[in-house]
Amino acid sequence: MKNNKYSLLITVCLLLFLAGCTSKKAAQHENQPTTNNTATSEIAQKSSIPTLFIHGYSGGNNSFGRMIKRMEKNDLTKKELVLTVSVDGAVKAKGKLTDKANNPSIQVLFEDNKNNEWNQAEWIKNCLTYIRDNYGVTQVNLVGHSMGGASSLRYLTTFGDDPNLPKINKFVGIAAPFNNFVELSDGETLDDVINNGPVIQSERYADYVNGIEKVSKDMEIMIIAGDVEDGSLSDEAVPVADALSVVSLFKIHGNDVQEKIFYGKSAQHSQLHENTEVDQLVADFLWK
C-alpha cells in the first residue's frame, strides 16, 4: 500500500515538473525575436507618399515587379499603379492611387525600353505630372535600376527645381552607370571616388555636375553597387566606381547620402533587383 502511495506521489511530482518545463518553453518561444522580414514590416512607417520604380535599359515588368511583390508580401508597400509611357511620351495608367497610408508603389514602364536618358527624363516628368494632375500628389520617392537610375538623375538635374512638379523626397540608384561605364583610373581607389569623385568624368557626369544645383539639398539618397568578385570590380555590366561616382557630388552639394556595395553572384547586375538583401536595404531606407 505504501509503495502505491509513493508511486502515486512520484508520478504527480513528475507531471508537475514536466508541466513546468512545457510552460517555460512556451514562454521562451513567445519571447523569441521575430524574423527580419516580420520585424521590418512591424517597424515600417506607413504613409500615402508614392514611390516610383524605374526599370533599366531593355527592362520591363519583371525588372522591379518581383521586388515590389516581395515587399508587398512583407506588408511594406502596396502596388497601386502601373504607368506605361509610349514613345511620344503619352502616359497610360492601370490601377489607381487610393491615398491610403500603405506606402504605395508605382511601377513605371517605357514602351521603348531602349531609348535614351534625355527622353526618359521627360517621360519621368510626364509620369509625375500625371499623378499630380490626377491625384494631387505633391511628393514622391524615386528608385531606379541601371539606366533607370541614370535617367532619374538626368530628370533631377534638369527638372528638379520646378516647383510645379512633385518634390522628390528620397532617391535610390541601383547599379546605375552615372559616369557612363568609366572604370577606376591607374592608382585611383574606390575610396578616392567616394570621397573626391572620379578622376575621369564622362560627358554624362559633367552634365550632372552642371545641373546639381537643381537638386533639392533636402533629398535623401541611397546609392547601391554590385561586385561579383571576379576581379573586374563590377557587377558584370556597371563598374563599382561608376555606380558610386556621384556619392561625392551629392555630399558636396549638401545631401544626406548613403552607399552600399553588395558582393557575390547575387550582386550581378540584373540580380540586384532580385536580391532580398537589396530589398531589405531599399525598404529600410524608404520606409523605416
Protein backbone atom coordinates (compact mmCIF):
# COMPACT_ATOMS: atom_id res chain seq x y z
CA MET A 1 0.00 0.00 0.00
CA LYS A 2 2.84 2.34 0.99
CA ASN A 3 4.56 1.52 -2.29
CA ASN A 4 1.45 2.51 -4.20
CA LYS A 5 1.29 5.82 -2.32
CA TYR A 6 4.97 6.53 -3.04
CA SER A 7 4.48 5.63 -6.70
CA LEU A 8 1.47 7.95 -6.95
CA LEU A 9 3.42 10.77 -5.25
CA ILE A 10 6.37 10.36 -7.62
CA THR A 11 4.05 10.32 -10.63
CA VAL A 12 2.34 13.57 -9.53
CA CYS A 13 5.69 15.27 -8.94
CA LEU A 14 6.92 14.16 -12.36
CA LEU A 15 3.80 15.50 -14.08
CA LEU A 16 4.15 18.86 -12.30
CA PHE A 17 7.82 19.06 -13.34
CA LEU A 18 7.02 18.32 -16.99
CA ALA A 19 4.19 20.85 -16.98
CA GLY A 20 6.57 23.48 -15.64
CA CYS A 21 9.12 22.74 -18.36
CA THR A 22 6.46 22.97 -21.05
CA SER A 23 5.25 26.33 -19.73
CA LYS A 24 8.84 27.61 -19.61
CA LYS A 25 9.48 26.56 -23.21
CA ALA A 26 6.24 28.19 -24.33
CA ALA A 27 7.21 31.42 -22.59
CA GLN A 28 10.67 31.30 -24.17
CA HIS A 29 9.11 30.78 -27.60
CA GLU A 30 6.79 33.74 -27.11
CA ASN A 31 9.76 35.95 -26.22
CA GLN A 32 11.88 34.93 -29.20
CA PRO A 33 12.58 37.74 -31.71
CA THR A 34 10.67 37.71 -34.99
CA THR A 35 12.34 37.15 -38.34
CA ASN A 36 13.92 40.05 -40.19
CA ASN A 37 11.07 40.31 -42.68
CA THR A 38 8.40 40.42 -39.99
CA ALA A 39 10.40 42.88 -37.93
CA THR A 40 10.77 45.16 -40.93
CA SER A 41 7.03 45.17 -41.60
CA GLU A 42 6.36 45.98 -37.93
CA ILE A 43 8.66 49.00 -37.83
CA ALA A 44 7.89 50.31 -41.32
CA GLN A 45 6.43 53.80 -41.27
CA LYS A 46 3.34 53.96 -43.45
CA SER A 47 2.30 56.99 -45.47
CA SER A 48 0.46 57.78 -48.70
CA ILE A 49 3.64 59.10 -50.38
CA PRO A 50 4.13 57.05 -53.60
CA THR A 51 7.42 55.50 -54.70
CA LEU A 52 8.11 55.30 -58.45
CA PHE A 53 10.21 52.34 -59.65
CA ILE A 54 12.06 52.99 -62.96
CA HIS A 55 13.50 49.99 -64.85
CA GLY A 56 16.76 49.93 -66.76
CA TYR A 57 17.80 49.57 -70.40
CA SER A 58 15.69 46.88 -72.13
CA GLY A 59 13.85 46.33 -68.83
CA GLY A 60 10.18 45.58 -68.31
CA ASN A 61 7.60 44.43 -65.81
CA ASN A 62 9.88 41.87 -64.15
CA SER A 63 12.69 44.36 -63.61
CA PHE A 64 11.03 45.67 -60.46
CA GLY A 65 7.83 43.63 -60.49
CA ARG A 66 9.15 40.79 -58.36
CA MET A 67 10.85 43.13 -55.88
CA ILE A 68 7.59 45.00 -55.34
CA LYS A 69 5.73 41.69 -54.87
CA ARG A 70 8.23 40.57 -52.22
CA MET A 71 7.85 43.88 -50.42
CA GLU A 72 4.06 43.57 -50.64
CA LYS A 73 4.26 40.10 -49.12
CA ASN A 74 6.11 41.59 -46.15
CA ASP A 75 3.48 44.34 -45.79
CA LEU A 76 5.97 47.08 -46.66
CA THR A 77 4.19 48.55 -49.68
CA LYS A 78 1.13 48.18 -51.87
CA LYS A 79 1.43 48.26 -55.64
CA GLU A 80 -1.39 50.56 -56.69
CA LEU A 81 -0.49 51.91 -60.10
CA VAL A 82 1.38 50.98 -63.28
CA LEU A 83 2.23 53.84 -65.65
CA THR A 84 3.20 52.86 -69.19
CA VAL A 85 4.80 55.60 -71.29
CA SER A 86 4.65 55.48 -75.09
CA VAL A 87 7.48 56.66 -77.32
CA ASP A 88 5.71 60.00 -77.81
CA GLY A 89 5.51 60.48 -74.04
CA ALA A 90 1.83 59.67 -73.52
CA VAL A 91 1.08 58.09 -70.14
CA LYS A 92 -1.35 55.18 -69.84
CA ALA A 93 -2.40 54.12 -66.35
CA LYS A 94 -3.52 50.80 -64.88
CA GLY A 95 -4.86 50.91 -61.34
CA LYS A 96 -5.27 53.98 -59.16
CA LEU A 97 -3.80 55.69 -56.14
CA THR A 98 -6.08 55.33 -53.12
CA ASP A 99 -4.43 57.91 -50.83
CA LYS A 100 -4.19 55.19 -48.18
CA ALA A 101 -1.22 55.10 -45.83
CA ASN A 102 0.22 51.90 -47.33
CA ASN A 103 3.47 53.18 -48.90
CA PRO A 104 2.00 52.91 -52.43
CA SER A 105 4.29 51.75 -55.23
CA ILE A 106 4.04 52.94 -58.82
CA GLN A 107 5.79 50.87 -61.47
CA VAL A 108 6.89 52.89 -64.49
CA LEU A 109 7.29 51.05 -67.81
CA PHE A 110 8.71 52.52 -71.00
CA GLU A 111 7.28 51.01 -74.21
CA ASP A 112 10.54 51.92 -75.95
CA ASN A 113 12.75 50.44 -73.26
CA LYS A 114 16.00 51.16 -75.12
CA ASN A 115 15.53 54.87 -75.57
CA ASN A 116 17.99 57.48 -74.33
CA GLU A 117 18.13 59.10 -70.90
CA TRP A 118 17.05 62.55 -72.13
CA ASN A 119 13.75 61.19 -73.41
CA GLN A 120 13.36 59.01 -70.34
CA ALA A 121 13.85 62.06 -68.10
CA GLU A 122 11.00 63.74 -70.00
CA TRP A 123 8.89 60.59 -69.56
CA ILE A 124 9.54 60.55 -65.81
CA LYS A 125 8.42 64.18 -65.76
CA ASN A 126 5.24 63.17 -67.62
CA CYS A 127 4.54 60.46 -65.04
CA LEU A 128 4.97 62.92 -62.19
CA THR A 129 2.73 65.42 -63.98
CA TYR A 130 0.11 62.69 -64.43
CA ILE A 131 -0.08 61.76 -60.74
CA ARG A 132 -0.02 65.44 -59.76
CA ASP A 133 -2.93 66.30 -62.07
CA ASN A 134 -4.99 63.18 -61.38
CA TYR A 135 -4.30 62.59 -57.69
CA GLY A 136 -2.89 65.83 -56.32
CA VAL A 137 0.44 64.19 -55.44
CA THR A 138 2.97 66.69 -54.13
CA GLN A 139 5.85 64.44 -53.03
CA VAL A 140 7.29 61.08 -54.10
CA ASN A 141 10.31 58.80 -53.88
CA LEU A 142 12.28 57.55 -56.91
CA VAL A 143 14.00 54.17 -57.29
CA GLY A 144 15.93 53.50 -60.49
CA HIS A 145 17.88 50.45 -61.64
CA SER A 146 20.71 50.82 -64.15
CA MET A 147 19.66 53.26 -66.90
CA GLY A 148 16.56 53.97 -64.82
CA GLY A 149 18.86 55.42 -62.17
CA ALA A 150 20.82 57.47 -64.70
CA SER A 151 17.61 58.76 -66.27
CA SER A 152 16.22 59.61 -62.84
CA LEU A 153 19.29 61.70 -62.07
CA ARG A 154 19.01 63.26 -65.51
CA TYR A 155 15.46 64.23 -64.52
CA LEU A 156 16.62 65.62 -61.17
CA THR A 157 19.41 67.72 -62.70
CA THR A 158 17.09 69.01 -65.43
CA PHE A 159 13.69 69.48 -63.79
CA GLY A 160 14.46 69.09 -60.09
CA ASP A 161 13.91 72.77 -59.29
CA ASP A 162 10.46 73.01 -60.94
CA PRO A 163 8.11 73.99 -58.08
CA ASN A 164 5.10 72.80 -60.07
CA LEU A 165 6.26 69.18 -60.01
CA PRO A 166 6.09 66.79 -57.03
CA LYS A 167 9.05 67.05 -54.69
CA ILE A 168 11.43 64.07 -54.65
CA ASN A 169 11.96 63.11 -51.01
CA LYS A 170 14.26 60.11 -51.50
CA PHE A 171 16.22 58.71 -54.42
CA VAL A 172 17.70 55.21 -54.75
CA GLY A 173 20.13 54.45 -57.59
CA ILE A 174 20.83 50.73 -58.07
CA ALA A 175 23.77 49.77 -60.31
CA ALA A 176 23.37 52.95 -62.36
CA PRO A 177 26.07 53.98 -64.85
CA PHE A 178 26.26 57.55 -63.61
CA ASN A 179 29.72 58.04 -65.16
CA ASN A 180 28.86 56.20 -68.37
CA PHE A 181 30.78 52.97 -67.55
CA VAL A 182 34.09 54.64 -66.65
CA GLU A 183 36.30 52.33 -64.54
CA LEU A 184 38.95 53.20 -61.98
CA SER A 185 41.95 55.07 -63.37
CA ASP A 186 45.51 53.91 -62.65
CA GLY A 187 46.27 54.48 -58.99
CA GLU A 188 42.69 55.50 -58.22
CA THR A 189 40.81 53.68 -55.44
CA LEU A 190 37.12 53.32 -54.63
CA ASP A 191 37.69 55.48 -51.56
CA ASP A 192 39.11 58.18 -53.84
CA VAL A 193 35.97 58.06 -55.98
CA ILE A 194 33.61 58.09 -52.99
CA ASN A 195 35.43 60.94 -51.24
CA ASN A 196 36.58 63.07 -54.18
CA GLY A 197 34.67 61.96 -57.28
CA PRO A 198 36.09 60.21 -60.35
CA VAL A 199 39.33 61.36 -61.98
CA ILE A 200 37.89 60.78 -65.45
CA GLN A 201 34.47 62.38 -65.87
CA SER A 202 32.23 61.43 -68.78
CA GLU A 203 30.01 63.93 -70.56
CA ARG A 204 27.06 62.43 -68.67
CA TYR A 205 28.76 63.02 -65.34
CA ALA A 206 29.72 66.56 -66.34
CA ASP A 207 26.04 67.26 -67.10
CA TYR A 208 25.13 66.09 -63.59
CA VAL A 209 27.78 68.43 -62.15
CA ASN A 210 26.36 71.35 -64.15
CA GLY A 211 22.80 70.56 -63.08
CA ILE A 212 23.35 69.60 -59.43
CA GLU A 213 22.06 72.96 -58.17
CA LYS A 214 18.60 71.97 -59.43
CA VAL A 215 18.58 69.06 -56.99
CA SER A 216 17.00 69.69 -53.60
CA LYS A 217 19.51 69.54 -50.74
CA ASP A 218 16.74 68.00 -48.61
CA MET A 219 16.54 64.89 -50.81
CA GLU A 220 17.98 61.77 -49.15
CA ILE A 221 19.98 59.40 -51.34
CA MET A 222 20.97 55.73 -51.36
CA ILE A 223 23.49 54.56 -53.97
CA ILE A 224 23.92 50.79 -54.49
CA ALA A 225 26.63 48.95 -56.45
CA GLY A 226 27.40 45.31 -57.14
CA ASP A 227 30.70 43.40 -57.25
CA VAL A 228 30.53 39.79 -58.47
CA GLU A 229 34.08 39.28 -57.16
CA ASP A 230 35.54 38.02 -60.42
CA GLY A 231 38.33 40.57 -60.38
CA SER A 232 36.52 43.08 -62.60
CA LEU A 233 35.30 45.32 -59.74
CA SER A 234 31.90 45.35 -61.39
CA ASP A 235 28.50 43.68 -61.46
CA GLU A 236 29.42 42.31 -64.93
CA ALA A 237 27.86 45.40 -66.55
CA VAL A 238 28.46 48.52 -64.44
CA PRO A 239 31.80 49.14 -62.66
CA VAL A 240 31.54 49.73 -58.92
CA ALA A 241 33.44 53.00 -59.38
CA ASP A 242 30.85 54.10 -61.95
CA ALA A 243 27.85 53.29 -59.78
CA LEU A 244 29.39 55.14 -56.81
CA SER A 245 30.75 58.06 -58.83
CA VAL A 246 28.02 60.51 -57.75
CA VAL A 247 28.33 59.92 -53.99
CA SER A 248 30.87 62.72 -53.60
CA LEU A 249 28.89 65.01 -55.89
CA PHE A 250 25.80 64.72 -53.70
CA LYS A 251 27.75 65.07 -50.46
CA ILE A 252 29.48 68.24 -51.63
CA HIS A 253 26.07 69.57 -52.66
CA GLY A 254 24.86 69.02 -49.09
CA ASN A 255 22.67 65.94 -49.44
CA ASP A 256 22.45 63.09 -46.95
CA VAL A 257 23.98 60.19 -48.92
CA GLN A 258 24.45 56.52 -48.11
CA GLU A 259 26.30 54.00 -50.27
CA LYS A 260 26.41 50.21 -50.21
CA ILE A 261 28.29 47.57 -52.21
CA PHE A 262 26.87 44.05 -52.49
CA TYR A 263 29.17 41.13 -53.26
CA GLY A 264 28.98 37.73 -54.93
CA LYS A 265 26.76 36.10 -57.53
CA SER A 266 23.63 37.77 -56.18
CA ALA A 267 25.29 41.13 -56.83
CA GLN A 268 25.25 40.57 -60.59
CA HIS A 269 23.69 43.49 -62.47
CA SER A 270 20.24 42.01 -63.13
CA GLN A 271 20.24 40.02 -59.90
CA LEU A 272 20.46 43.10 -57.71
CA HIS A 273 16.73 43.74 -58.04
CA GLU A 274 16.12 40.06 -57.20
CA ASN A 275 18.38 40.14 -54.12
CA THR A 276 16.38 40.05 -50.87
CA GLU A 277 19.18 41.86 -49.05
CA VAL A 278 18.77 44.72 -51.53
CA ASP A 279 15.01 44.57 -50.86
CA GLN A 280 15.71 44.98 -47.16
CA LEU A 281 18.12 47.89 -47.63
CA VAL A 282 15.82 49.76 -50.00
CA ALA A 283 12.76 49.20 -47.80
CA ASP A 284 14.61 50.34 -44.68
CA PHE A 285 15.83 53.45 -46.47
CA LEU A 286 12.43 54.37 -47.90
CA TRP A 287 10.11 53.44 -45.06
CA LYS A 288 11.93 52.68 -41.81
